[in-house]
Amino acid sequence: MTSRNAILAAALAGALAASPVFLPGQDKVTLRFGPAQGTTLTYSLSSVINVDGKNFMGLNLALNADSRGEIRLFSKAATRDTVRADMTSPGIDVNIRLPEKVMSQKLGTTRGEPLDVVFNRTGKIESIGNPEAVGGNNPFNISIPQLLRDYFPAFPVEPVGRGESWLEGRRLTIPFQGFDIQVNLSITYTLDDILPADDGRLALISAVYKVGVSGVKDLDGDTQGVFEGEGAGAGSLQVHIDKGWFSEYRVDFKTDAVFVMKKGAERLAELPFSFSAFAEVILLSVQAPDPIIR
């Protein structure tokens, strides 16, 4: 090797040695839900649920439900463990399509009164006060509090680094032709990357879903109807680390299942059905707190 090539090789080796190598667990960050007091976050929310199947008489039991609209969160006082927010909505359109009819309704907060929502620092809802603000008589029990609980993401409890994961479990209840289908989600979130953004650091997160379906209803005599099944799905999440909020969250999963008529341990009949759900929550705008006038 010539003297010149030796110098170049040494310089290259030094540059490589100085370059950062990102390994799982390095550069841990703390993801916390906590917009500054006085911040208003406006999100678009949309969800689509499809159920396909037939009953024991061969009748179509298909169901399609979609919800689309906006919600606004006005961040109020916070503690070390919780964030309070006023939640209002100009309207969320809900449409339910059944084989025999279509039902529609607009959900929203009334007379400008907000829901009083308490989040913990992972973004999970601890409580919802003033439920009268959204009224009642919602089709198929679809409500704004339910949509918030079902389709808002969960941040990790502990700091995480690139390539590290955290788990969350949640349960969705889907009313279906007089039955309550329990959809049990086991979610694995993984921090894929951390990028610079205009307002600080942006965490890119993927999510993998394992889905279980259950539900039981007493039929005639000692006969029961039981839902059984499993499925999978995927999603994504973007978190603005230094601001304390998320800007995108998408959920997409599907399961194949059966409705089983049982008498004790005996399986009398089985009917297949499928269930799928897609939802996304997208940040539309941020209104910063009013400056303090001195």
C-alpha atoms as a PDB file:
ATOM      1  CA  MET A   1       0.000   0.000   0.000  1.00  0.00           C
ATOM      2  CA  THR A   2       1.390   3.417  -0.941  1.00  0.00           C
ATOM      3  CA  SER A   3       1.874   6.113   1.646  1.00  0.00           C
ATOM      4  CA  ARG A   4      -1.022   8.097   0.176  1.00  0.00           C
ATOM      5  CA  ASN A   5      -3.401   5.097   0.221  1.00  0.00           C
ATOM      6  CA  ALA A   6      -2.364   4.292   3.771  1.00  0.00           C
ATOM      7  CA  ILE A   7      -3.273   7.830   4.861  1.00  0.00           C
ATOM      8  CA  LEU A   8      -6.683   7.588   3.107  1.00  0.00           C
ATOM      9  CA  ALA A   9      -7.378   4.200   4.677  1.00  0.00           C
ATOM     10  CA  ALA A  10      -6.509   5.506   8.117  1.00  0.00           C
ATOM     11  CA  ALA A  11      -8.743   8.538   7.623  1.00  0.00           C
ATOM     12  CA  LEU A  12     -11.659   6.340   6.484  1.00  0.00           C
ATOM     13  CA  ALA A  13     -11.219   4.010   9.458  1.00  0.00           C
ATOM     14  CA  GLY A  14     -11.225   6.986  11.796  1.00  0.00           C
ATOM     15  CA  ALA A  15     -14.397   8.400  10.239  1.00  0.00           C
ATOM     16  CA  LEU A  16     -16.186   5.085  10.558  1.00  0.00           C
ATOM     17  CA  ALA A  17     -15.100   4.745  14.163  1.00  0.00           C
ATOM     18  CA  ALA A  18     -16.438   8.226  14.934  1.00  0.00           C
ATOM     19  CA  SER A  19     -19.791   7.666  13.204  1.00  0.00           C
ATOM     20  CA  PRO A  20     -22.669   6.787  15.533  1.00  0.00           C
ATOM     21  CA  VAL A  21     -23.962   3.228  15.274  1.00  0.00           C
ATOM     22  CA  PHE A  22     -27.608   3.015  16.332  1.00  0.00           C
ATOM     23  CA  LEU A  23     -28.336  -0.133  18.273  1.00  0.00           C
ATOM     24  CA  PRO A  24     -31.643  -1.112  19.872  1.00  0.00           C
ATOM     25  CA  GLY A  25     -32.057   0.612  23.213  1.00  0.00           C
ATOM     26  CA  GLN A  26     -29.695   3.505  22.553  1.00  0.00           C
ATOM     27  CA  ASP A  27     -30.826   7.145  22.774  1.00  0.00           C
ATOM     28  CA  LYS A  28     -33.782   6.389  25.006  1.00  0.00           C
ATOM     29  CA  VAL A  29     -36.542   8.974  24.993  1.00  0.00           C
ATOM     30  CA  THR A  30     -39.491   9.537  27.285  1.00  0.00           C
ATOM     31  CA  LEU A  31     -42.805   9.688  25.435  1.00  0.00           C
ATOM     32  CA  ARG A  32     -45.427  11.467  27.492  1.00  0.00           C
ATOM     33  CA  PHE A  33     -48.848  12.844  26.637  1.00  0.00           C
ATOM     34  CA  GLY A  34     -48.761  16.389  27.947  1.00  0.00           C
ATOM     35  CA  PRO A  35     -49.591  19.359  25.693  1.00  0.00           C
ATOM     36  CA  ALA A  36     -48.820  22.672  27.371  1.00  0.00           C
ATOM     37  CA  GLN A  37     -51.656  24.242  29.311  1.00  0.00           C
ATOM     38  CA  GLY A  38     -53.812  26.371  27.021  1.00  0.00           C
ATOM     39  CA  THR A  39     -52.975  24.390  23.859  1.00  0.00           C
ATOM     40  CA  THR A  40     -55.851  23.436  21.548  1.00  0.00           C
ATOM     41  CA  LEU A  41     -55.411  20.313  19.424  1.00  0.00           C
ATOM     42  CA  THR A  42     -57.897  19.653  16.620  1.00  0.00           C
ATOM     43  CA  TYR A  43     -58.022  16.100  15.280  1.00  0.00           C
ATOM     44  CA  SER A  44     -59.969  14.478  12.487  1.00  0.00           C
ATOM     45  CA  LEU A  45     -61.316  11.082  13.465  1.00  0.00           C
ATOM     46  CA  SER A  46     -62.605   8.408  11.126  1.00  0.00           C
ATOM     47  CA  SER A  47     -63.371   4.739  11.628  1.00  0.00           C
ATOM     48  CA  VAL A  48     -64.941   1.965   9.581  1.00  0.00           C
ATOM     49  CA  ILE A  49     -66.168  -1.354  10.981  1.00  0.00           C
ATOM     50  CA  ASN A  50     -67.386  -4.226   8.818  1.00  0.00           C
ATOM     51  CA  VAL A  51     -68.999  -7.461   9.950  1.00  0.00           C
ATOM     52  CA  ASP A  52     -70.059 -10.117   7.421  1.00  0.00           C
ATOM     53  CA  GLY A  53     -71.986 -13.287   8.253  1.00  0.00           C
ATOM     54  CA  LYS A  54     -75.304 -15.096   8.255  1.00  0.00           C
ATOM     55  CA  ASN A  55     -77.524 -16.457  11.002  1.00  0.00           C
ATOM     56  CA  PHE A  56     -78.726 -20.037  11.395  1.00  0.00           C
ATOM     57  CA  MET A  57     -81.673 -19.292   9.117  1.00  0.00           C
ATOM     58  CA  GLY A  58     -79.354 -18.123   6.349  1.00  0.00           C
ATOM     59  CA  LEU A  59     -80.280 -14.469   6.731  1.00  0.00           C
ATOM     60  CA  ASN A  60     -77.636 -11.866   6.017  1.00  0.00           C
ATOM     61  CA  LEU A  61     -76.275 -10.247   9.190  1.00  0.00           C
ATOM     62  CA  ALA A  62     -73.843  -7.873   7.493  1.00  0.00           C
ATOM     63  CA  LEU A  63     -73.090  -4.637   9.294  1.00  0.00           C
ATOM     64  CA  ASN A  64     -71.108  -1.599   8.178  1.00  0.00           C
ATOM     65  CA  ALA A  65     -70.543   1.318  10.529  1.00  0.00           C
ATOM     66  CA  ASP A  66     -68.498   4.415   9.815  1.00  0.00           C
ATOM     67  CA  SER A  67     -67.784   7.496  11.915  1.00  0.00           C
ATOM     68  CA  ARG A  68     -66.233  10.705  10.610  1.00  0.00           C
ATOM     69  CA  GLY A  69     -65.746  14.096  12.191  1.00  0.00           C
ATOM     70  CA  GLU A  70     -63.566  16.315  14.348  1.00  0.00           C
ATOM     71  CA  ILE A  71     -62.704  16.594  18.009  1.00  0.00           C
ATOM     72  CA  ARG A  72     -60.928  19.400  19.845  1.00  0.00           C
ATOM     73  CA  LEU A  73     -58.880  19.078  23.009  1.00  0.00           C
ATOM     74  CA  PHE A  74     -58.135  22.167  25.095  1.00  0.00           C
ATOM     75  CA  SER A  75     -55.401  21.305  27.580  1.00  0.00           C
ATOM     76  CA  LYS A  76     -55.962  22.564  31.110  1.00  0.00           C
ATOM     77  CA  ALA A  77     -54.171  22.067  34.405  1.00  0.00           C
ATOM     78  CA  ALA A  78     -51.762  19.123  34.639  1.00  0.00           C
ATOM     79  CA  THR A  79     -50.142  17.183  37.437  1.00  0.00           C
ATOM     80  CA  ARG A  80     -47.137  14.883  37.355  1.00  0.00           C
ATOM     81  CA  ASP A  81     -49.366  11.943  36.432  1.00  0.00           C
ATOM     82  CA  THR A  82     -52.402  13.398  34.647  1.00  0.00           C
ATOM     83  CA  VAL A  83     -53.553  15.968  32.098  1.00  0.00           C
ATOM     84  CA  ARG A  84     -57.029  17.513  32.101  1.00  0.00           C
ATOM     85  CA  ALA A  85     -58.623  18.655  28.876  1.00  0.00           C
ATOM     86  CA  ASP A  86     -61.913  20.080  27.683  1.00  0.00           C
ATOM     87  CA  MET A  87     -63.113  18.048  24.717  1.00  0.00           C
ATOM     88  CA  THR A  88     -65.627  19.442  22.250  1.00  0.00           C
ATOM     89  CA  SER A  89     -66.806  18.349  18.818  1.00  0.00           C
ATOM     90  CA  PRO A  90     -68.691  20.253  16.119  1.00  0.00           C
ATOM     91  CA  GLY A  91     -70.027  16.901  14.990  1.00  0.00           C
ATOM     92  CA  ILE A  92     -69.150  13.297  14.192  1.00  0.00           C
ATOM     93  CA  ASP A  93     -71.337  11.687  11.540  1.00  0.00           C
ATOM     94  CA  VAL A  94     -72.204   8.064  12.308  1.00  0.00           C
ATOM     95  CA  ASN A  95     -73.758   5.798   9.666  1.00  0.00           C
ATOM     96  CA  ILE A  96     -74.909   2.246  10.308  1.00  0.00           C
ATOM     97  CA  ARG A  97     -75.835   0.092   7.327  1.00  0.00           C
ATOM     98  CA  LEU A  98     -77.739  -3.138   7.869  1.00  0.00           C
ATOM     99  CA  PRO A  99     -79.332  -5.408   5.237  1.00  0.00           C
ATOM    100  CA  GLU A 100     -82.767  -4.050   6.062  1.00  0.00           C
ATOM    101  CA  LYS A 101     -82.111  -0.397   6.928  1.00  0.00           C
ATOM    102  CA  VAL A 102     -79.690   2.484   7.270  1.00  0.00           C
ATOM    103  CA  MET A 103     -79.307   4.534  10.439  1.00  0.00           C
ATOM    104  CA  SER A 104     -77.564   7.914  10.660  1.00  0.00           C
ATOM    105  CA  GLN A 105     -76.874  10.364  13.444  1.00  0.00           C
ATOM    106  CA  LYS A 106     -74.550  13.251  14.213  1.00  0.00           C
ATOM    107  CA  LEU A 107     -72.753  13.097  17.544  1.00  0.00           C
ATOM    108  CA  GLY A 108     -71.390  16.232  19.132  1.00  0.00           C
ATOM    109  CA  THR A 109     -71.134  18.295  22.263  1.00  0.00           C
ATOM    110  CA  THR A 110     -74.213  20.392  22.958  1.00  0.00           C
ATOM    111  CA  ARG A 111     -74.564  24.068  23.786  1.00  0.00           C
ATOM    112  CA  GLY A 112     -70.806  24.474  23.716  1.00  0.00           C
ATOM    113  CA  GLU A 113     -70.396  22.415  26.892  1.00  0.00           C
ATOM    114  CA  PRO A 114     -67.239  20.266  26.886  1.00  0.00           C
ATOM    115  CA  LEU A 115     -66.514  16.822  28.156  1.00  0.00           C
ATOM    116  CA  ASP A 116     -64.053  16.973  31.052  1.00  0.00           C
ATOM    117  CA  VAL A 117     -61.447  14.359  30.092  1.00  0.00           C
ATOM    118  CA  VAL A 118     -58.592  13.248  32.356  1.00  0.00           C
ATOM    119  CA  PHE A 119     -55.675  11.517  30.616  1.00  0.00           C
ATOM    120  CA  ASN A 120     -52.744   9.830  32.271  1.00  0.00           C
ATOM    121  CA  ARG A 121     -49.268  10.451  30.894  1.00  0.00           C
ATOM    122  CA  THR A 122     -49.476   7.458  28.548  1.00  0.00           C
ATOM    123  CA  GLY A 123     -52.484   9.066  26.861  1.00  0.00           C
ATOM    124  CA  LYS A 124     -55.020   6.641  28.298  1.00  0.00           C
ATOM    125  CA  ILE A 125     -58.277   8.102  29.549  1.00  0.00           C
ATOM    126  CA  GLU A 126     -58.672   7.933  33.317  1.00  0.00           C
ATOM    127  CA  SER A 127     -62.142   9.481  33.491  1.00  0.00           C
ATOM    128  CA  ILE A 128     -64.682  11.472  31.497  1.00  0.00           C
ATOM    129  CA  GLY A 129     -66.813  14.023  33.301  1.00  0.00           C
ATOM    130  CA  ASN A 130     -69.936  15.908  32.235  1.00  0.00           C
ATOM    131  CA  PRO A 131     -71.245  13.107  29.967  1.00  0.00           C
ATOM    132  CA  GLU A 132     -74.500  15.049  29.558  1.00  0.00           C
ATOM    133  CA  ALA A 133     -72.608  17.266  27.103  1.00  0.00           C
ATOM    134  CA  VAL A 134     -72.920  14.651  24.352  1.00  0.00           C
ATOM    135  CA  GLY A 135     -76.531  13.650  24.971  1.00  0.00           C
ATOM    136  CA  GLY A 136     -77.883  10.139  24.535  1.00  0.00           C
ATOM    137  CA  ASN A 137     -79.738   7.872  22.118  1.00  0.00           C
ATOM    138  CA  ASN A 138     -76.652   7.064  20.084  1.00  0.00           C
ATOM    139  CA  PRO A 139     -77.079   4.402  17.381  1.00  0.00           C
ATOM    140  CA  PHE A 140     -75.651   1.043  18.426  1.00  0.00           C
ATOM    141  CA  ASN A 141     -74.176   2.745  21.500  1.00  0.00           C
ATOM    142  CA  ILE A 142     -71.472   4.429  19.415  1.00  0.00           C
ATOM    143  CA  SER A 143     -70.405   7.511  21.357  1.00  0.00           C
ATOM    144  CA  ILE A 144     -67.649  10.095  21.510  1.00  0.00           C
ATOM    145  CA  PRO A 145     -66.241   8.696  24.800  1.00  0.00           C
ATOM    146  CA  GLN A 146     -66.148   5.229  23.232  1.00  0.00           C
ATOM    147  CA  LEU A 147     -64.342   6.500  20.134  1.00  0.00           C
ATOM    148  CA  LEU A 148     -61.771   8.255  22.324  1.00  0.00           C
ATOM    149  CA  ARG A 149     -61.119   5.102  24.351  1.00  0.00           C
ATOM    150  CA  ASP A 150     -61.020   2.813  21.315  1.00  0.00           C
ATOM    151  CA  TYR A 151     -58.928   4.853  18.906  1.00  0.00           C
ATOM    152  CA  PHE A 152     -56.468   6.965  20.899  1.00  0.00           C
ATOM    153  CA  PRO A 153     -52.937   5.476  21.171  1.00  0.00           C
ATOM    154  CA  ALA A 154     -50.994   4.543  24.296  1.00  0.00           C
ATOM    155  CA  PHE A 155     -47.475   5.825  25.005  1.00  0.00           C
ATOM    156  CA  PRO A 156     -44.953   3.651  26.893  1.00  0.00           C
ATOM    157  CA  VAL A 157     -44.629   3.881  30.671  1.00  0.00           C
ATOM    158  CA  GLU A 158     -40.822   3.681  30.594  1.00  0.00           C
ATOM    159  CA  PRO A 159     -38.293   5.430  28.304  1.00  0.00           C
ATOM    160  CA  VAL A 160     -37.653   3.579  25.026  1.00  0.00           C
ATOM    161  CA  GLY A 161     -34.895   3.573  22.416  1.00  0.00           C
ATOM    162  CA  ARG A 162     -34.792   2.757  18.725  1.00  0.00           C
ATOM    163  CA  GLY A 163     -35.909  -0.805  18.118  1.00  0.00           C
ATOM    164  CA  GLU A 164     -37.520  -1.228  21.543  1.00  0.00           C
ATOM    165  CA  SER A 165     -41.162  -2.173  22.050  1.00  0.00           C
ATOM    166  CA  TRP A 166     -43.961  -1.823  24.578  1.00  0.00           C
ATOM    167  CA  LEU A 167     -47.246  -3.637  24.970  1.00  0.00           C
ATOM    168  CA  GLU A 168     -50.840  -2.548  25.439  1.00  0.00           C
ATOM    169  CA  GLY A 169     -54.088  -4.455  25.777  1.00  0.00           C
ATOM    170  CA  ARG A 170     -57.551  -3.076  25.172  1.00  0.00           C
ATOM    171  CA  ARG A 171     -61.043  -4.363  24.580  1.00  0.00           C
ATOM    172  CA  LEU A 172     -63.582  -3.138  22.047  1.00  0.00           C
ATOM    173  CA  THR A 173     -67.254  -4.028  22.355  1.00  0.00           C
ATOM    174  CA  ILE A 174     -69.158  -4.252  19.072  1.00  0.00           C
ATOM    175  CA  PRO A 175     -72.956  -4.599  19.266  1.00  0.00           C
ATOM    176  CA  PHE A 176     -74.074  -7.020  16.551  1.00  0.00           C
ATOM    177  CA  GLN A 177     -77.644  -8.190  15.988  1.00  0.00           C
ATOM    178  CA  GLY A 178     -78.467  -8.387  19.684  1.00  0.00           C
ATOM    179  CA  PHE A 179     -75.071  -9.766  20.676  1.00  0.00           C
ATOM    180  CA  ASP A 180     -72.040  -7.995  22.135  1.00  0.00           C
ATOM    181  CA  ILE A 181     -68.873  -9.093  20.330  1.00  0.00           C
ATOM    182  CA  GLN A 182     -65.794  -8.622  22.508  1.00  0.00           C
ATOM    183  CA  VAL A 183     -62.729  -7.764  20.427  1.00  0.00           C
ATOM    184  CA  ASN A 184     -59.585  -8.192  22.518  1.00  0.00           C
ATOM    185  CA  LEU A 185     -56.516  -6.424  21.165  1.00  0.00           C
ATOM    186  CA  SER A 186     -52.920  -7.173  22.130  1.00  0.00           C
ATOM    187  CA  ILE A 187     -50.817  -4.353  20.658  1.00  0.00           C
ATOM    188  CA  THR A 188     -47.031  -4.321  20.301  1.00  0.00           C
ATOM    189  CA  TYR A 189     -45.659  -0.840  19.593  1.00  0.00           C
ATOM    190  CA  THR A 190     -42.063  -0.441  18.354  1.00  0.00           C
ATOM    191  CA  LEU A 191     -40.075   2.788  18.201  1.00  0.00           C
ATOM    192  CA  ASP A 192     -38.641   2.611  14.672  1.00  0.00           C
ATOM    193  CA  ASP A 193     -36.863   5.948  14.443  1.00  0.00           C
ATOM    194  CA  ILE A 194     -36.461   9.467  15.833  1.00  0.00           C
ATOM    195  CA  LEU A 195     -36.284  12.300  13.315  1.00  0.00           C
ATOM    196  CA  PRO A 196     -35.808  16.060  13.620  1.00  0.00           C
ATOM    197  CA  ALA A 197     -38.963  18.103  13.000  1.00  0.00           C
ATOM    198  CA  ASP A 198     -39.855  21.788  12.888  1.00  0.00           C
ATOM    199  CA  ASP A 199     -41.089  21.706  16.474  1.00  0.00           C
ATOM    200  CA  GLY A 200     -38.572  19.252  17.942  1.00  0.00           C
ATOM    201  CA  ARG A 201     -38.092  15.507  17.663  1.00  0.00           C
ATOM    202  CA  LEU A 202     -40.565  13.227  15.883  1.00  0.00           C
ATOM    203  CA  ALA A 203     -40.915   9.568  16.933  1.00  0.00           C
ATOM    204  CA  LEU A 204     -41.962   7.113  14.214  1.00  0.00           C
ATOM    205  CA  ILE A 205     -43.679   4.093  15.717  1.00  0.00           C
ATOM    206  CA  SER A 206     -45.161   0.949  14.210  1.00  0.00           C
ATOM    207  CA  ALA A 207     -47.818  -1.232  15.795  1.00  0.00           C
ATOM    208  CA  VAL A 208     -48.666  -4.913  15.378  1.00  0.00           C
ATOM    209  CA  TYR A 209     -52.049  -6.217  16.490  1.00  0.00           C
ATOM    210  CA  LYS A 210     -53.114  -9.655  17.642  1.00  0.00           C
ATOM    211  CA  VAL A 211     -56.878  -9.932  17.762  1.00  0.00           C
ATOM    212  CA  GLY A 212     -59.119 -12.293  19.685  1.00  0.00           C
ATOM    213  CA  VAL A 213     -62.903 -12.412  19.397  1.00  0.00           C
ATOM    214  CA  SER A 214     -65.191 -13.606  22.166  1.00  0.00           C
ATOM    215  CA  GLY A 215     -68.732 -13.160  23.406  1.00  0.00           C
ATOM    216  CA  VAL A 216     -71.492 -15.312  24.849  1.00  0.00           C
ATOM    217  CA  LYS A 217     -75.267 -15.025  24.861  1.00  0.00           C
ATOM    218  CA  ASP A 218     -77.829 -17.385  26.329  1.00  0.00           C
ATOM    219  CA  LEU A 219     -80.240 -18.731  23.719  1.00  0.00           C
ATOM    220  CA  ASP A 220     -83.162 -21.090  24.270  1.00  0.00           C
ATOM    221  CA  GLY A 221     -82.990 -23.372  27.295  1.00  0.00           C
ATOM    222  CA  ASP A 222     -79.440 -24.444  28.107  1.00  0.00           C
ATOM    223  CA  THR A 223     -78.125 -23.465  24.656  1.00  0.00           C
ATOM    224  CA  GLN A 224     -75.588 -20.689  24.235  1.00  0.00           C
ATOM    225  CA  GLY A 225     -74.292 -18.684  21.309  1.00  0.00           C
ATOM    226  CA  VAL A 226     -70.513 -18.193  21.459  1.00  0.00           C
ATOM    227  CA  PHE A 227     -68.195 -16.080  19.313  1.00  0.00           C
ATOM    228  CA  GLU A 228     -64.724 -17.526  18.669  1.00  0.00           C
ATOM    229  CA  GLY A 229     -61.941 -16.302  16.435  1.00  0.00           C
ATOM    230  CA  GLU A 230     -58.626 -14.551  16.007  1.00  0.00           C
ATOM    231  CA  GLY A 231     -56.891 -12.238  13.590  1.00  0.00           C
ATOM    232  CA  ALA A 232     -54.123  -9.719  13.097  1.00  0.00           C
ATOM    233  CA  GLY A 233     -53.357  -6.250  11.857  1.00  0.00           C
ATOM    234  CA  ALA A 234     -50.947  -3.347  11.818  1.00  0.00           C
ATOM    235  CA  GLY A 235     -50.834   0.354  12.504  1.00  0.00           C
ATOM    236  CA  SER A 236     -48.594   3.385  12.832  1.00  0.00           C
ATOM    237  CA  LEU A 237     -48.090   6.286  15.215  1.00  0.00           C
ATOM    238  CA  GLN A 238     -46.223   9.598  15.090  1.00  0.00           C
ATOM    239  CA  VAL A 239     -45.405  11.355  18.349  1.00  0.00           C
ATOM    240  CA  HIS A 240     -43.965  14.858  18.739  1.00  0.00           C
ATOM    241  CA  ILE A 241     -41.673  14.080  21.640  1.00  0.00           C
ATOM    242  CA  ASP A 242     -40.941  17.617  22.808  1.00  0.00           C
ATOM    243  CA  LYS A 243     -44.533  18.828  22.464  1.00  0.00           C
ATOM    244  CA  GLY A 244     -46.296  15.989  24.235  1.00  0.00           C
ATOM    245  CA  TRP A 245     -48.840  15.031  21.583  1.00  0.00           C
ATOM    246  CA  PHE A 246     -49.300  12.703  18.624  1.00  0.00           C
ATOM    247  CA  SER A 247     -50.036  13.821  15.063  1.00  0.00           C
ATOM    248  CA  GLU A 248     -51.071  10.557  13.365  1.00  0.00           C
ATOM    249  CA  TYR A 249     -52.437   7.242  14.523  1.00  0.00           C
ATOM    250  CA  ARG A 250     -53.716   4.503  12.216  1.00  0.00           C
ATOM    251  CA  VAL A 251     -55.252   1.135  13.067  1.00  0.00           C
ATOM    252  CA  ASP A 252     -56.126  -1.629  10.590  1.00  0.00           C
ATOM    253  CA  PHE A 253     -56.994  -5.214  11.547  1.00  0.00           C
ATOM    254  CA  LYS A 254     -59.169  -8.129  10.505  1.00  0.00           C
ATOM    255  CA  THR A 255     -60.284 -11.382  12.056  1.00  0.00           C
ATOM    256  CA  ASP A 256     -62.021 -14.529  10.836  1.00  0.00           C
ATOM    257  CA  ALA A 257     -64.301 -16.115  13.383  1.00  0.00           C
ATOM    258  CA  VAL A 258     -67.256 -18.399  13.951  1.00  0.00           C
ATOM    259  CA  PHE A 259     -70.516 -18.118  15.808  1.00  0.00           C
ATOM    260  CA  VAL A 260     -71.046 -21.426  17.592  1.00  0.00           C
ATOM    261  CA  MET A 261     -74.298 -22.749  19.022  1.00  0.00           C
ATOM    262  CA  LYS A 262     -73.387 -24.880  22.052  1.00  0.00           C
ATOM    263  CA  LYS A 263     -75.275 -27.117  24.397  1.00  0.00           C
ATOM    264  CA  GLY A 264     -72.854 -27.816  27.199  1.00  0.00           C
ATOM    265  CA  ALA A 265     -69.657 -29.018  25.558  1.00  0.00           C
ATOM    266  CA  GLU A 266     -71.488 -30.137  22.417  1.00  0.00           C
ATOM    267  CA  ARG A 267     -71.143 -27.916  19.362  1.00  0.00           C
ATOM    268  CA  LEU A 268     -74.511 -28.006  17.631  1.00  0.00           C
ATOM    269  CA  ALA A 269     -73.755 -25.681  14.720  1.00  0.00           C
ATOM    270  CA  GLU A 270     -71.136 -23.217  13.502  1.00  0.00           C
ATOM    271  CA  LEU A 271     -71.472 -20.172  11.288  1.00  0.00           C
ATOM    272  CA  PRO A 272     -68.419 -18.315   9.970  1.00  0.00           C
ATOM    273  CA  PHE A 273     -68.204 -14.547   9.982  1.00  0.00           C
ATOM    274  CA  SER A 274     -65.512 -11.920   9.494  1.00  0.00           C
ATOM    275  CA  PHE A 275     -64.809  -8.704  11.326  1.00  0.00           C
ATOM    276  CA  SER A 276     -62.555  -5.825  10.285  1.00  0.00           C
ATOM    277  CA  ALA A 277     -61.813  -2.339  11.561  1.00  0.00           C
ATOM    278  CA  PHE A 278     -59.906   0.638  10.244  1.00  0.00           C
ATOM    279  CA  ALA A 279     -59.437   3.918  12.086  1.00  0.00           C
ATOM    280  CA  GLU A 280     -57.235   6.956  11.843  1.00  0.00           C
ATOM    281  CA  VAL A 281     -56.795  10.042  13.984  1.00  0.00           C
ATOM    282  CA  ILE A 282     -54.971  12.915  12.266  1.00  0.00           C
ATOM    283  CA  LEU A 283     -53.866  16.201  13.816  1.00  0.00           C
ATOM    284  CA  LEU A 284     -55.365  19.033  11.767  1.00  0.00           C
ATOM    285  CA  SER A 285     -54.201  22.091  13.678  1.00  0.00           C
ATOM    286  CA  VAL A 286     -52.515  23.304  16.844  1.00  0.00           C
ATOM    287  CA  GLN A 287     -53.400  26.543  18.575  1.00  0.00           C
ATOM    288  CA  ALA A 288     -50.683  27.587  20.986  1.00  0.00           C
ATOM    289  CA  PRO A 289     -51.462  29.072  24.409  1.00  0.00           C
ATOM    290  CA  ASP A 290     -52.130  32.790  24.469  1.00  0.00           C
ATOM    291  CA  PRO A 291     -48.987  34.717  25.469  1.00  0.00           C
ATOM    292  CA  ILE A 292     -48.961  36.224  28.939  1.00  0.00           C
ATOM    293  CA  ILE A 293     -49.507  39.954  28.731  1.00  0.00           C
ATOM    294  CA  ARG A 294     -47.241  41.785  31.150  1.00  0.00           C
END
